[in-house]
Structure formats: C-alpha cells, structure tokens
Amino acid sequence: MSAYLVRRLIHLVPTFLGATFLAFFVLQIAPGDFLTQWALDPKIRPETIERMRHNFGLDRPLLLQYLIWLKNLLHGDLGISFMYQRPVLEVVWPRIENSLILVGLSILFLYLIGIPIGVYQALRPYTLPDYVISFFAYFGLAIPNFFFMLILIFLLVKFKFAFGWTPFPIGGMTSQGFEQLPPARQWVDILWHAVLPAFVVVTADLSGLTRVMRGQVMEVLGQDYIRTARAKGLAERIVLYKHALRNAVIPILANIGGLLPGLIGGAGLVEVVANWPGITPLLLDALNQQDLYVNVGIIALSSLLLIVGNILGDLLLAVVDPRIRYG
C-alpha cells in the first residue's frame, strides 16, 4: 500500500503542473487583460497603466509568469488579486467557507436520502412506489438546477403574497439583524437559508444515486452468496445491511473522491440565482474582470483536491472490499 501511495503522489506532480499551466495559458490567451479597460479611461495616463502592468507582472513572458507564480505557490502564496488588491487566499477563502456550508449540506442530503431510497426501491421493484420515485428521479435529472431554483423562488414569492410569510427565505445567506443574533442563532439562520438551495443542488445527484443504488442492490441480492446466507437462516436485516449493502456501495465509494473539488467549487449557478455569496459568483466576476490569479488559484485548489480525492477513493475501496489490494 505504501508503495502505491508513493507512486500516486509522484504522479500527482506532473498532473498538477499540467492542469495549472493549461489553465494559466488558456486564461492568458484571451484578448486583453485586467488593465485593458483601464486603458480606455482618458483620465488614466498611459505611464500609469504601464507601471501597473509591470507591478502585476503582466509585461513578462507567459512561461516566466507561470514559473514565478509556481515559485510563490510553494511558499503558500497564490498571488495578489487585481480586483481587490489583496492576497488571493484572503479573497477566496471566505467564499469557500460559504460554499462549504451549501455543498456540505447538499452532500449530507445526498447520502441520507439517496441510499435509503435506492434500497427501498430495490426491495420493491416494479411496484407503484418504485415507479413514482423513478418518475421524480428522471424529473430531477432532466431539469437544470438553476432553473429549478428559479421555479422555487417564484413559488415562494407567490406563497408570500398569498399568506404573508414563507417557509424558507427567498435568497440570500442571512436575515436582517443577523449581526445582533447570538452565535447559535446565527448558525441556525444560515442553515435555514441553506436548506432550499442545498436541496436544489443535490437534486440531479440524488436522482442518479437512487438509480445506481437501486440497480446495485438488486444485482447483489441475486448473487449466490446472498441465497446461501438466507438458506443458513440469517435474518433478512443482516443479509441486507451486512452482506448486500456493503458490496452495493462499492461503486458509490469510488466516486467519493470526486466530491472534494466540489466542496470548494461551489454550487454552480444555484449560488447566483439564490444570491448565495459563494465561490461561483466570485469566479464569474474574476473571469469577467480577467483577474488572473483569482482564477488560477481556484483552479489550482480544485485540481489538487480532485487528485487527492481520487487517492482517498482508492483507499476507501480497499477498506470496504478486502479483495482489492494495491501493490
């Protein structure tokens, strides 16, 4: 196992370098840069623009810019944001924390709801409840998350006009007077705002997980060792949860590593529609303003977490399935 981990860590280096350099290159080949819009302002002298370009390092060759950024990265420095004139990590980290709340809650919903529903369907295949759940699963797969969020916001507005209150907040992350609330009430308020967008975020993944879980459990329940366990007189609960479910979740564990970059990658356009101050609105602003180091910093963190997540997924597979050994 240790030799396998060493090999994977060695492979991590060229993969990370390739991903970050490609991101750096693609972002740089776009026409203009952050200072282009400043150059259009007649109040700003060209000498000032050139001095700022030199201070930001934008007058250096592309490869040299990347090597300098990589050198700073080894010291924990992701660069300086052009927009905010602050270190990238200081700009990005509060948004990552906000996205962690939303995405973390959605992952909790995913497994707490998806696995039991998938098992329930597998135990009652081709019945009316199975067909009803499958219908909503396909609905969740078909509708885009941001559009689903728009529909829910519309329904909440209609509900508020009709009854004067809403079961969930209409956008935002906090309520008015949030700063005056005690810490425990602040967390409750944030989670109350996060419930609806987190449910929307998890809709498509939940639909896919229930279908996968249903198929896996049905397949495992038809195996010979399950029939043998039942023939020995084991309780159905033990057969299902100790023998069948442990093998059925193996493909799901293999995909857990892919969740790590999503933890800092945000909830996509749902954050924009729900007015949630996460990483996605910041990334869109950085792309619009061509804030190079904010964009590359987010991509670098996501790439690193994706690589580490794949390694963790392999290790979890070895823990769950004793037949898997890495030499």
C-alpha atoms as a PDB file:
ATOM      1  CA  MET A   1       0.000   0.000   0.000  1.00  0.00           C
ATOM      2  CA  SER A   2       2.794   2.424   0.881  1.00  0.00           C
ATOM      3  CA  ALA A   3       4.494   1.832  -2.487  1.00  0.00           C
ATOM      4  CA  TYR A   4       1.181   2.523  -4.233  1.00  0.00           C
ATOM      5  CA  LEU A   5       0.742   5.804  -2.333  1.00  0.00           C
ATOM      6  CA  VAL A   6       4.276   6.901  -3.214  1.00  0.00           C
ATOM      7  CA  ARG A   7       3.632   6.225  -6.914  1.00  0.00           C
ATOM      8  CA  ARG A   8       0.368   8.139  -6.832  1.00  0.00           C
ATOM      9  CA  LEU A   9       1.999  11.099  -5.105  1.00  0.00           C
ATOM     10  CA  ILE A  10       4.754  11.124  -7.711  1.00  0.00           C
ATOM     11  CA  HIS A  11       2.148  11.101 -10.473  1.00  0.00           C
ATOM     12  CA  LEU A  12       0.408  13.977  -8.703  1.00  0.00           C
ATOM     13  CA  VAL A  13       3.203  16.405  -9.540  1.00  0.00           C
ATOM     14  CA  PRO A  14       3.091  16.332 -13.378  1.00  0.00           C
ATOM     15  CA  THR A  15      -0.716  16.151 -13.320  1.00  0.00           C
ATOM     16  CA  PHE A  16      -0.953  19.236 -11.129  1.00  0.00           C
ATOM     17  CA  LEU A  17       1.654  21.113 -13.181  1.00  0.00           C
ATOM     18  CA  GLY A  18      -0.113  20.265 -16.429  1.00  0.00           C
ATOM     19  CA  ALA A  19      -3.539  21.325 -15.136  1.00  0.00           C
ATOM     20  CA  THR A  20      -2.341  24.621 -13.687  1.00  0.00           C
ATOM     21  CA  PHE A  21      -0.198  25.541 -16.693  1.00  0.00           C
ATOM     22  CA  LEU A  22      -3.054  24.790 -19.083  1.00  0.00           C
ATOM     23  CA  ALA A  23      -5.375  26.979 -17.001  1.00  0.00           C
ATOM     24  CA  PHE A  24      -2.741  29.726 -16.895  1.00  0.00           C
ATOM     25  CA  PHE A  25      -2.249  29.515 -20.649  1.00  0.00           C
ATOM     26  CA  VAL A  26      -5.964  29.494 -21.567  1.00  0.00           C
ATOM     27  CA  LEU A  27      -6.696  32.467 -19.316  1.00  0.00           C
ATOM     28  CA  GLN A  28      -3.789  34.423 -20.782  1.00  0.00           C
ATOM     29  CA  ILE A  29      -4.612  33.896 -24.463  1.00  0.00           C
ATOM     30  CA  ALA A  30      -7.914  35.747 -24.088  1.00  0.00           C
ATOM     31  CA  PRO A  31      -7.785  39.192 -25.736  1.00  0.00           C
ATOM     32  CA  GLY A  32      -6.645  41.945 -23.403  1.00  0.00           C
ATOM     33  CA  ASP A  33      -6.083  41.711 -19.670  1.00  0.00           C
ATOM     34  CA  PHE A  34      -7.275  43.298 -16.434  1.00  0.00           C
ATOM     35  CA  LEU A  35      -5.739  46.664 -17.322  1.00  0.00           C
ATOM     36  CA  THR A  36      -7.266  46.882 -20.816  1.00  0.00           C
ATOM     37  CA  GLN A  37     -10.465  48.514 -19.533  1.00  0.00           C
ATOM     38  CA  TRP A  38      -8.355  50.995 -17.534  1.00  0.00           C
ATOM     39  CA  ALA A  39      -6.523  51.964 -20.698  1.00  0.00           C
ATOM     40  CA  LEU A  40      -9.841  53.114 -22.181  1.00  0.00           C
ATOM     41  CA  ASP A  41     -10.261  55.691 -19.409  1.00  0.00           C
ATOM     42  CA  PRO A  42      -8.855  59.025 -20.660  1.00  0.00           C
ATOM     43  CA  LYS A  43      -8.283  60.145 -17.054  1.00  0.00           C
ATOM     44  CA  ILE A  44      -5.608  57.480 -16.538  1.00  0.00           C
ATOM     45  CA  ARG A  45      -2.239  58.216 -18.101  1.00  0.00           C
ATOM     46  CA  PRO A  46      -0.538  55.501 -20.230  1.00  0.00           C
ATOM     47  CA  GLU A  47       2.528  55.692 -17.964  1.00  0.00           C
ATOM     48  CA  THR A  48       0.337  54.695 -15.016  1.00  0.00           C
ATOM     49  CA  ILE A  49      -1.041  51.729 -16.937  1.00  0.00           C
ATOM     50  CA  GLU A  50       2.457  50.541 -17.867  1.00  0.00           C
ATOM     51  CA  ARG A  51       3.666  50.919 -14.295  1.00  0.00           C
ATOM     52  CA  MET A  52       0.739  48.848 -13.011  1.00  0.00           C
ATOM     53  CA  ARG A  53       1.314  46.249 -15.729  1.00  0.00           C
ATOM     54  CA  HIS A  54       4.904  45.938 -14.530  1.00  0.00           C
ATOM     55  CA  ASN A  55       3.856  45.711 -10.881  1.00  0.00           C
ATOM     56  CA  PHE A  56       1.375  42.939 -11.690  1.00  0.00           C
ATOM     57  CA  GLY A  57       3.998  41.126 -13.775  1.00  0.00           C
ATOM     58  CA  LEU A  58       1.830  41.181 -16.899  1.00  0.00           C
ATOM     59  CA  ASP A  59       4.695  42.518 -19.039  1.00  0.00           C
ATOM     60  CA  ARG A  60       6.728  39.323 -18.587  1.00  0.00           C
ATOM     61  CA  PRO A  61       6.593  36.309 -20.940  1.00  0.00           C
ATOM     62  CA  LEU A  62       3.838  33.805 -20.218  1.00  0.00           C
ATOM     63  CA  LEU A  63       6.172  30.999 -19.154  1.00  0.00           C
ATOM     64  CA  LEU A  64       8.067  33.290 -16.796  1.00  0.00           C
ATOM     65  CA  GLN A  65       4.817  34.482 -15.228  1.00  0.00           C
ATOM     66  CA  TYR A  66       3.818  30.877 -14.612  1.00  0.00           C
ATOM     67  CA  LEU A  67       7.186  29.942 -13.090  1.00  0.00           C
ATOM     68  CA  ILE A  68       7.055  32.951 -10.743  1.00  0.00           C
ATOM     69  CA  TRP A  69       3.514  32.036  -9.708  1.00  0.00           C
ATOM     70  CA  LEU A  70       4.602  28.411  -9.156  1.00  0.00           C
ATOM     71  CA  LYS A  71       7.545  29.531  -7.035  1.00  0.00           C
ATOM     72  CA  ASN A  72       5.254  31.682  -4.895  1.00  0.00           C
ATOM     73  CA  LEU A  73       2.805  28.784  -4.626  1.00  0.00           C
ATOM     74  CA  LEU A  74       5.477  26.647  -2.959  1.00  0.00           C
ATOM     75  CA  HIS A  75       5.510  29.266  -0.193  1.00  0.00           C
ATOM     76  CA  GLY A  76       1.714  29.254   0.129  1.00  0.00           C
ATOM     77  CA  ASP A  77       1.234  32.423  -1.936  1.00  0.00           C
ATOM     78  CA  LEU A  78      -1.451  32.255  -4.641  1.00  0.00           C
ATOM     79  CA  GLY A  79      -0.739  35.770  -5.859  1.00  0.00           C
ATOM     80  CA  ILE A  80      -2.442  39.141  -5.488  1.00  0.00           C
ATOM     81  CA  SER A  81      -5.969  39.738  -6.732  1.00  0.00           C
ATOM     82  CA  PHE A  82      -6.139  42.503  -9.346  1.00  0.00           C
ATOM     83  CA  MET A  83      -9.686  43.456  -8.363  1.00  0.00           C
ATOM     84  CA  TYR A  84      -9.316  43.552  -4.592  1.00  0.00           C
ATOM     85  CA  GLN A  85      -5.584  44.335  -4.246  1.00  0.00           C
ATOM     86  CA  ARG A  86      -5.362  41.650  -1.575  1.00  0.00           C
ATOM     87  CA  PRO A  87      -3.810  38.152  -1.427  1.00  0.00           C
ATOM     88  CA  VAL A  88      -5.894  35.667  -3.379  1.00  0.00           C
ATOM     89  CA  LEU A  89      -6.290  33.347  -0.406  1.00  0.00           C
ATOM     90  CA  GLU A  90      -7.802  36.168   1.667  1.00  0.00           C
ATOM     91  CA  VAL A  91     -10.277  36.888  -1.121  1.00  0.00           C
ATOM     92  CA  VAL A  92     -11.155  33.284  -1.945  1.00  0.00           C
ATOM     93  CA  TRP A  93     -11.271  31.650   1.481  1.00  0.00           C
ATOM     94  CA  PRO A  94     -14.402  33.418   2.874  1.00  0.00           C
ATOM     95  CA  ARG A  95     -16.264  32.455  -0.309  1.00  0.00           C
ATOM     96  CA  ILE A  96     -15.023  28.868   0.026  1.00  0.00           C
ATOM     97  CA  GLU A  97     -16.376  28.762   3.579  1.00  0.00           C
ATOM     98  CA  ASN A  98     -19.782  29.930   2.338  1.00  0.00           C
ATOM     99  CA  SER A  99     -19.791  27.318  -0.427  1.00  0.00           C
ATOM    100  CA  LEU A 100     -18.705  24.623   2.046  1.00  0.00           C
ATOM    101  CA  ILE A 101     -21.887  25.216   4.042  1.00  0.00           C
ATOM    102  CA  LEU A 102     -24.103  24.851   0.988  1.00  0.00           C
ATOM    103  CA  VAL A 103     -22.274  21.966  -0.674  1.00  0.00           C
ATOM    104  CA  GLY A 104     -21.642  20.137   2.611  1.00  0.00           C
ATOM    105  CA  LEU A 105     -25.345  20.245   3.456  1.00  0.00           C
ATOM    106  CA  SER A 106     -26.229  19.014  -0.039  1.00  0.00           C
ATOM    107  CA  ILE A 107     -23.810  16.060   0.303  1.00  0.00           C
ATOM    108  CA  LEU A 108     -25.426  15.210   3.632  1.00  0.00           C
ATOM    109  CA  PHE A 109     -28.832  15.242   1.931  1.00  0.00           C
ATOM    110  CA  LEU A 110     -27.437  13.122  -0.902  1.00  0.00           C
ATOM    111  CA  TYR A 111     -26.407  10.154   1.185  1.00  0.00           C
ATOM    112  CA  LEU A 112     -29.002  10.371   3.952  1.00  0.00           C
ATOM    113  CA  ILE A 113     -31.825  10.423   1.403  1.00  0.00           C
ATOM    114  CA  GLY A 114     -30.384   8.718  -1.684  1.00  0.00           C
ATOM    115  CA  ILE A 115     -29.104   5.451  -0.196  1.00  0.00           C
ATOM    116  CA  PRO A 116     -32.280   4.576   1.800  1.00  0.00           C
ATOM    117  CA  ILE A 117     -34.500   5.423  -1.177  1.00  0.00           C
ATOM    118  CA  GLY A 118     -32.358   3.290  -3.506  1.00  0.00           C
ATOM    119  CA  VAL A 119     -32.509   0.347  -1.085  1.00  0.00           C
ATOM    120  CA  TYR A 120     -36.281   0.794  -0.697  1.00  0.00           C
ATOM    121  CA  GLN A 121     -36.736   0.673  -4.477  1.00  0.00           C
ATOM    122  CA  ALA A 122     -34.537  -2.407  -4.806  1.00  0.00           C
ATOM    123  CA  LEU A 123     -36.631  -4.270  -2.228  1.00  0.00           C
ATOM    124  CA  ARG A 124     -39.891  -3.346  -4.004  1.00  0.00           C
ATOM    125  CA  PRO A 125     -39.022  -3.341  -7.721  1.00  0.00           C
ATOM    126  CA  TYR A 126     -41.708  -2.680 -10.339  1.00  0.00           C
ATOM    127  CA  THR A 127     -44.276  -1.591  -7.774  1.00  0.00           C
ATOM    128  CA  LEU A 128     -46.205   1.687  -7.682  1.00  0.00           C
ATOM    129  CA  PRO A 129     -43.812   3.350  -5.158  1.00  0.00           C
ATOM    130  CA  ASP A 130     -40.874   2.306  -7.351  1.00  0.00           C
ATOM    131  CA  TYR A 131     -42.480   3.860 -10.438  1.00  0.00           C
ATOM    132  CA  VAL A 132     -43.356   7.085  -8.581  1.00  0.00           C
ATOM    133  CA  ILE A 133     -39.829   7.502  -7.210  1.00  0.00           C
ATOM    134  CA  SER A 134     -38.356   6.721 -10.632  1.00  0.00           C
ATOM    135  CA  PHE A 135     -40.549   9.395 -12.211  1.00  0.00           C
ATOM    136  CA  PHE A 136     -39.284  12.065  -9.825  1.00  0.00           C
ATOM    137  CA  ALA A 137     -35.732  10.788 -10.295  1.00  0.00           C
ATOM    138  CA  TYR A 138     -35.928  11.303 -14.040  1.00  0.00           C
ATOM    139  CA  PHE A 139     -37.500  14.703 -13.433  1.00  0.00           C
ATOM    140  CA  GLY A 140     -34.546  15.666 -11.242  1.00  0.00           C
ATOM    141  CA  LEU A 141     -32.097  14.530 -13.892  1.00  0.00           C
ATOM    142  CA  ALA A 142     -33.860  16.441 -16.646  1.00  0.00           C
ATOM    143  CA  ILE A 143     -34.374  19.891 -15.111  1.00  0.00           C
ATOM    144  CA  PRO A 144     -31.337  22.194 -14.731  1.00  0.00           C
ATOM    145  CA  ASN A 145     -30.628  23.114 -11.126  1.00  0.00           C
ATOM    146  CA  PHE A 146     -30.599  26.870 -11.676  1.00  0.00           C
ATOM    147  CA  PHE A 147     -33.973  26.706 -13.470  1.00  0.00           C
ATOM    148  CA  PHE A 148     -35.424  24.573 -10.697  1.00  0.00           C
ATOM    149  CA  MET A 149     -34.218  27.197  -8.197  1.00  0.00           C
ATOM    150  CA  LEU A 150     -35.924  29.938 -10.209  1.00  0.00           C
ATOM    151  CA  ILE A 151     -39.189  27.976 -10.115  1.00  0.00           C
ATOM    152  CA  LEU A 152     -38.975  27.517  -6.338  1.00  0.00           C
ATOM    153  CA  ILE A 153     -38.238  31.218  -5.823  1.00  0.00           C
ATOM    154  CA  PHE A 154     -41.258  32.080  -7.958  1.00  0.00           C
ATOM    155  CA  LEU A 155     -43.441  29.744  -5.886  1.00  0.00           C
ATOM    156  CA  LEU A 156     -42.100  31.222  -2.644  1.00  0.00           C
ATOM    157  CA  VAL A 157     -42.919  34.744  -3.834  1.00  0.00           C
ATOM    158  CA  LYS A 158     -46.453  33.644  -4.743  1.00  0.00           C
ATOM    159  CA  PHE A 159     -46.781  31.957  -1.346  1.00  0.00           C
ATOM    160  CA  LYS A 160     -45.647  35.103   0.455  1.00  0.00           C
ATOM    161  CA  PHE A 161     -48.122  37.285  -1.447  1.00  0.00           C
ATOM    162  CA  ALA A 162     -50.914  34.865  -0.559  1.00  0.00           C
ATOM    163  CA  PHE A 163     -50.127  34.162   3.111  1.00  0.00           C
ATOM    164  CA  GLY A 164     -47.705  36.894   4.179  1.00  0.00           C
ATOM    165  CA  TRP A 165     -44.841  34.548   5.123  1.00  0.00           C
ATOM    166  CA  THR A 166     -42.632  31.882   3.532  1.00  0.00           C
ATOM    167  CA  PRO A 167     -41.394  28.536   4.892  1.00  0.00           C
ATOM    168  CA  PHE A 168     -37.918  29.298   3.516  1.00  0.00           C
ATOM    169  CA  PRO A 169     -36.091  32.578   2.815  1.00  0.00           C
ATOM    170  CA  ILE A 170     -36.173  33.976  -0.716  1.00  0.00           C
ATOM    171  CA  GLY A 171     -32.464  34.154  -1.494  1.00  0.00           C
ATOM    172  CA  GLY A 172     -29.502  35.387   0.473  1.00  0.00           C
ATOM    173  CA  MET A 173     -27.439  33.763   3.197  1.00  0.00           C
ATOM    174  CA  THR A 174     -28.584  35.655   6.291  1.00  0.00           C
ATOM    175  CA  SER A 175     -31.609  37.528   7.602  1.00  0.00           C
ATOM    176  CA  GLN A 176     -31.867  41.162   8.629  1.00  0.00           C
ATOM    177  CA  GLY A 177     -30.332  41.787  12.039  1.00  0.00           C
ATOM    178  CA  PHE A 178     -28.029  38.800  11.649  1.00  0.00           C
ATOM    179  CA  GLU A 179     -25.141  40.545  13.432  1.00  0.00           C
ATOM    180  CA  GLN A 180     -27.224  41.042  16.591  1.00  0.00           C
ATOM    181  CA  LEU A 181     -28.071  37.351  16.922  1.00  0.00           C
ATOM    182  CA  PRO A 182     -26.134  35.071  19.325  1.00  0.00           C
ATOM    183  CA  PRO A 183     -23.698  32.630  17.621  1.00  0.00           C
ATOM    184  CA  ALA A 184     -26.019  29.623  17.900  1.00  0.00           C
ATOM    185  CA  ARG A 185     -28.918  31.562  16.352  1.00  0.00           C
ATOM    186  CA  GLN A 186     -26.609  32.783  13.581  1.00  0.00           C
ATOM    187  CA  TRP A 187     -25.789  29.202  12.593  1.00  0.00           C
ATOM    188  CA  VAL A 188     -29.477  28.290  12.670  1.00  0.00           C
ATOM    189  CA  ASP A 189     -30.248  31.277  10.456  1.00  0.00           C
ATOM    190  CA  ILE A 190     -27.541  30.350   7.928  1.00  0.00           C
ATOM    191  CA  LEU A 191     -28.676  26.715   7.790  1.00  0.00           C
ATOM    192  CA  TRP A 192     -32.299  27.848   7.376  1.00  0.00           C
ATOM    193  CA  HIS A 193     -31.248  29.889   4.346  1.00  0.00           C
ATOM    194  CA  ALA A 194     -29.151  26.980   3.012  1.00  0.00           C
ATOM    195  CA  VAL A 195     -31.785  24.228   3.141  1.00  0.00           C
ATOM    196  CA  LEU A 196     -33.650  25.105  -0.060  1.00  0.00           C
ATOM    197  CA  PRO A 197     -30.627  25.814  -2.341  1.00  0.00           C
ATOM    198  CA  ALA A 198     -28.838  22.748  -0.920  1.00  0.00           C
ATOM    199  CA  PHE A 199     -31.837  20.604  -1.819  1.00  0.00           C
ATOM    200  CA  VAL A 200     -31.831  22.065  -5.341  1.00  0.00           C
ATOM    201  CA  VAL A 201     -28.095  21.455  -5.708  1.00  0.00           C
ATOM    202  CA  VAL A 202     -28.458  17.803  -4.776  1.00  0.00           C
ATOM    203  CA  THR A 203     -31.494  17.126  -6.998  1.00  0.00           C
ATOM    204  CA  ALA A 204     -29.645  15.748 -10.031  1.00  0.00           C
ATOM    205  CA  ASP A 205     -27.078  13.827  -7.977  1.00  0.00           C
ATOM    206  CA  LEU A 206     -29.820  12.430  -5.766  1.00  0.00           C
ATOM    207  CA  SER A 207     -31.700  11.177  -8.795  1.00  0.00           C
ATOM    208  CA  GLY A 208     -28.604   9.469 -10.166  1.00  0.00           C
ATOM    209  CA  LEU A 209     -27.609   7.985  -6.807  1.00  0.00           C
ATOM    210  CA  THR A 210     -31.010   6.419  -6.183  1.00  0.00           C
ATOM    211  CA  ARG A 211     -30.975   4.795  -9.634  1.00  0.00           C
ATOM    212  CA  VAL A 212     -27.449   3.461  -9.163  1.00  0.00           C
ATOM    213  CA  MET A 213     -28.205   2.242  -5.649  1.00  0.00           C
ATOM    214  CA  ARG A 214     -31.387   0.513  -6.810  1.00  0.00           C
ATOM    215  CA  GLY A 215     -29.576  -1.325  -9.584  1.00  0.00           C
ATOM    216  CA  GLN A 216     -26.612  -2.298  -7.399  1.00  0.00           C
ATOM    217  CA  VAL A 217     -28.734  -3.680  -4.559  1.00  0.00           C
ATOM    218  CA  MET A 218     -30.944  -5.635  -6.979  1.00  0.00           C
ATOM    219  CA  GLU A 219     -27.869  -7.129  -8.611  1.00  0.00           C
ATOM    220  CA  VAL A 220     -26.233  -8.067  -5.309  1.00  0.00           C
ATOM    221  CA  LEU A 221     -29.436  -9.606  -3.933  1.00  0.00           C
ATOM    222  CA  GLY A 222     -29.387 -12.045  -6.853  1.00  0.00           C
ATOM    223  CA  GLN A 223     -25.883 -13.345  -6.069  1.00  0.00           C
ATOM    224  CA  ASP A 224     -25.245 -16.882  -4.833  1.00  0.00           C
ATOM    225  CA  TYR A 225     -23.735 -15.824  -1.507  1.00  0.00           C
ATOM    226  CA  ILE A 226     -26.933 -13.918  -0.656  1.00  0.00           C
ATOM    227  CA  ARG A 227     -29.034 -17.015  -1.314  1.00  0.00           C
ATOM    228  CA  THR A 228     -26.597 -19.019   0.820  1.00  0.00           C
ATOM    229  CA  ALA A 229     -26.886 -16.531   3.670  1.00  0.00           C
ATOM    230  CA  ARG A 230     -30.660 -16.727   3.546  1.00  0.00           C
ATOM    231  CA  ALA A 231     -30.536 -20.542   3.398  1.00  0.00           C
ATOM    232  CA  LYS A 232     -28.471 -20.544   6.616  1.00  0.00           C
ATOM    233  CA  GLY A 233     -31.344 -18.776   8.336  1.00  0.00           C
ATOM    234  CA  LEU A 234     -29.806 -15.337   8.762  1.00  0.00           C
ATOM    235  CA  ALA A 235     -32.241 -12.532   9.458  1.00  0.00           C
ATOM    236  CA  GLU A 236     -33.210 -10.509   6.405  1.00  0.00           C
ATOM    237  CA  ARG A 237     -31.908  -7.346   8.067  1.00  0.00           C
ATOM    238  CA  ILE A 238     -28.448  -8.890   8.487  1.00  0.00           C
ATOM    239  CA  VAL A 239     -28.458 -10.225   4.929  1.00  0.00           C
ATOM    240  CA  LEU A 240     -29.390  -6.821   3.550  1.00  0.00           C
ATOM    241  CA  TYR A 241     -27.245  -4.452   5.583  1.00  0.00           C
ATOM    242  CA  LYS A 242     -24.229  -6.607   6.439  1.00  0.00           C
ATOM    243  CA  HIS A 243     -23.792  -8.560   3.218  1.00  0.00           C
ATOM    244  CA  ALA A 244     -25.710  -6.933   0.363  1.00  0.00           C
ATOM    245  CA  LEU A 245     -25.388  -3.232   1.145  1.00  0.00           C
ATOM    246  CA  ARG A 246     -21.645  -3.389   1.835  1.00  0.00           C
ATOM    247  CA  ASN A 247     -20.985  -4.685  -1.672  1.00  0.00           C
ATOM    248  CA  ALA A 248     -23.589  -2.482  -3.321  1.00  0.00           C
ATOM    249  CA  VAL A 249     -21.983   0.749  -2.119  1.00  0.00           C
ATOM    250  CA  ILE A 250     -18.567  -0.021  -3.642  1.00  0.00           C
ATOM    251  CA  PRO A 251     -19.204   1.923  -6.909  1.00  0.00           C
ATOM    252  CA  ILE A 252     -20.523   4.837  -4.858  1.00  0.00           C
ATOM    253  CA  LEU A 253     -17.383   4.928  -2.715  1.00  0.00           C
ATOM    254  CA  ALA A 254     -15.300   5.001  -5.886  1.00  0.00           C
ATOM    255  CA  ASN A 255     -16.875   8.360  -6.750  1.00  0.00           C
ATOM    256  CA  ILE A 256     -16.445   9.951  -3.321  1.00  0.00           C
ATOM    257  CA  GLY A 257     -13.088  11.384  -4.351  1.00  0.00           C
ATOM    258  CA  GLY A 258     -14.824  13.480  -6.975  1.00  0.00           C
ATOM    259  CA  LEU A 259     -16.770  15.282  -4.241  1.00  0.00           C
ATOM    260  CA  LEU A 260     -13.720  17.044  -2.790  1.00  0.00           C
ATOM    261  CA  PRO A 261     -13.266  19.656  -5.533  1.00  0.00           C
ATOM    262  CA  GLY A 262     -16.990  20.296  -5.357  1.00  0.00           C
ATOM    263  CA  LEU A 263     -16.586  21.313  -1.720  1.00  0.00           C
ATOM    264  CA  ILE A 264     -14.673  24.427  -2.781  1.00  0.00           C
ATOM    265  CA  GLY A 265     -16.069  24.566  -6.303  1.00  0.00           C
ATOM    266  CA  GLY A 266     -19.370  25.838  -5.058  1.00  0.00           C
ATOM    267  CA  ALA A 267     -22.898  25.055  -6.123  1.00  0.00           C
ATOM    268  CA  GLY A 268     -22.697  26.497  -9.614  1.00  0.00           C
ATOM    269  CA  LEU A 269     -25.377  28.819 -10.910  1.00  0.00           C
ATOM    270  CA  VAL A 270     -27.626  27.969  -7.969  1.00  0.00           C
ATOM    271  CA  GLU A 271     -25.436  30.284  -5.887  1.00  0.00           C
ATOM    272  CA  VAL A 272     -26.018  33.062  -8.402  1.00  0.00           C
ATOM    273  CA  VAL A 273     -29.785  32.555  -8.578  1.00  0.00           C
ATOM    274  CA  ALA A 274     -30.157  32.162  -4.804  1.00  0.00           C
ATOM    275  CA  ASN A 275     -27.888  35.177  -4.156  1.00  0.00           C
ATOM    276  CA  TRP A 276     -25.602  32.972  -2.076  1.00  0.00           C
ATOM    277  CA  PRO A 277     -22.143  34.604  -1.646  1.00  0.00           C
ATOM    278  CA  GLY A 278     -20.181  31.510  -2.623  1.00  0.00           C
ATOM    279  CA  ILE A 279     -17.269  30.777  -4.905  1.00  0.00           C
ATOM    280  CA  THR A 280     -19.217  30.742  -8.180  1.00  0.00           C
ATOM    281  CA  PRO A 281     -20.197  34.465  -8.186  1.00  0.00           C
ATOM    282  CA  LEU A 282     -16.583  35.317  -7.324  1.00  0.00           C
ATOM    283  CA  LEU A 283     -15.296  33.133 -10.156  1.00  0.00           C
ATOM    284  CA  LEU A 284     -17.681  34.710 -12.662  1.00  0.00           C
ATOM    285  CA  ASP A 285     -16.615  38.202 -11.581  1.00  0.00           C
ATOM    286  CA  ALA A 286     -12.946  37.197 -11.829  1.00  0.00           C
ATOM    287  CA  LEU A 287     -13.467  35.818 -15.331  1.00  0.00           C
ATOM    288  CA  ASN A 288     -15.299  38.966 -16.379  1.00  0.00           C
ATOM    289  CA  GLN A 289     -12.566  41.206 -14.946  1.00  0.00           C
ATOM    290  CA  GLN A 290      -9.766  38.869 -16.119  1.00  0.00           C
ATOM    291  CA  ASP A 291      -8.417  38.636 -12.588  1.00  0.00           C
ATOM    292  CA  LEU A 292      -5.753  36.072 -13.499  1.00  0.00           C
ATOM    293  CA  TYR A 293      -4.551  34.950 -10.090  1.00  0.00           C
ATOM    294  CA  VAL A 294      -8.008  34.516  -8.583  1.00  0.00           C
ATOM    295  CA  ASN A 295      -8.991  32.268 -11.486  1.00  0.00           C
ATOM    296  CA  VAL A 296      -5.773  30.246 -11.424  1.00  0.00           C
ATOM    297  CA  GLY A 297      -5.887  29.981  -7.630  1.00  0.00           C
ATOM    298  CA  ILE A 298      -9.383  28.484  -7.654  1.00  0.00           C
ATOM    299  CA  ILE A 299      -8.441  26.065 -10.447  1.00  0.00           C
ATOM    300  CA  ALA A 300      -5.249  25.049  -8.624  1.00  0.00           C
ATOM    301  CA  LEU A 301      -7.118  24.279  -5.403  1.00  0.00           C
ATOM    302  CA  SER A 302      -9.783  22.326  -7.292  1.00  0.00           C
ATOM    303  CA  SER A 303      -7.177  20.312  -9.223  1.00  0.00           C
ATOM    304  CA  LEU A 304      -5.285  19.456  -6.052  1.00  0.00           C
ATOM    305  CA  LEU A 305      -8.435  18.322  -4.265  1.00  0.00           C
ATOM    306  CA  LEU A 306      -9.501  16.238  -7.268  1.00  0.00           C
ATOM    307  CA  ILE A 307      -6.187  14.381  -7.301  1.00  0.00           C
ATOM    308  CA  VAL A 308      -6.205  13.851  -3.540  1.00  0.00           C
ATOM    309  CA  GLY A 309      -9.854  12.803  -3.703  1.00  0.00           C
ATOM    310  CA  ASN A 310      -9.101  10.094  -6.248  1.00  0.00           C
ATOM    311  CA  ILE A 311      -6.426   8.684  -3.949  1.00  0.00           C
ATOM    312  CA  LEU A 312      -8.832   8.715  -0.993  1.00  0.00           C
ATOM    313  CA  GLY A 313     -11.452   6.976  -3.121  1.00  0.00           C
ATOM    314  CA  ASP A 314      -8.999   4.170  -3.930  1.00  0.00           C
ATOM    315  CA  LEU A 315      -8.128   3.783  -0.246  1.00  0.00           C
ATOM    316  CA  LEU A 316     -11.802   3.612   0.731  1.00  0.00           C
ATOM    317  CA  LEU A 317     -12.357   0.896  -1.834  1.00  0.00           C
ATOM    318  CA  ALA A 318      -9.553  -1.151  -0.296  1.00  0.00           C
ATOM    319  CA  VAL A 319     -11.117  -0.725   3.155  1.00  0.00           C
ATOM    320  CA  VAL A 320     -14.626  -1.735   2.067  1.00  0.00           C
ATOM    321  CA  ASP A 321     -13.652  -4.525  -0.342  1.00  0.00           C
ATOM    322  CA  PRO A 322     -10.932  -6.825   1.074  1.00  0.00           C
ATOM    323  CA  ARG A 323     -10.436  -8.320  -2.392  1.00  0.00           C
ATOM    324  CA  ILE A 324      -8.802  -5.065  -3.554  1.00  0.00           C
ATOM    325  CA  ARG A 325      -5.106  -4.802  -2.869  1.00  0.00           C
ATOM    326  CA  TYR A 326      -2.717  -2.176  -4.184  1.00  0.00           C
ATOM    327  CA  GLY A 327       0.810  -3.426  -4.694  1.00  0.00           C
END
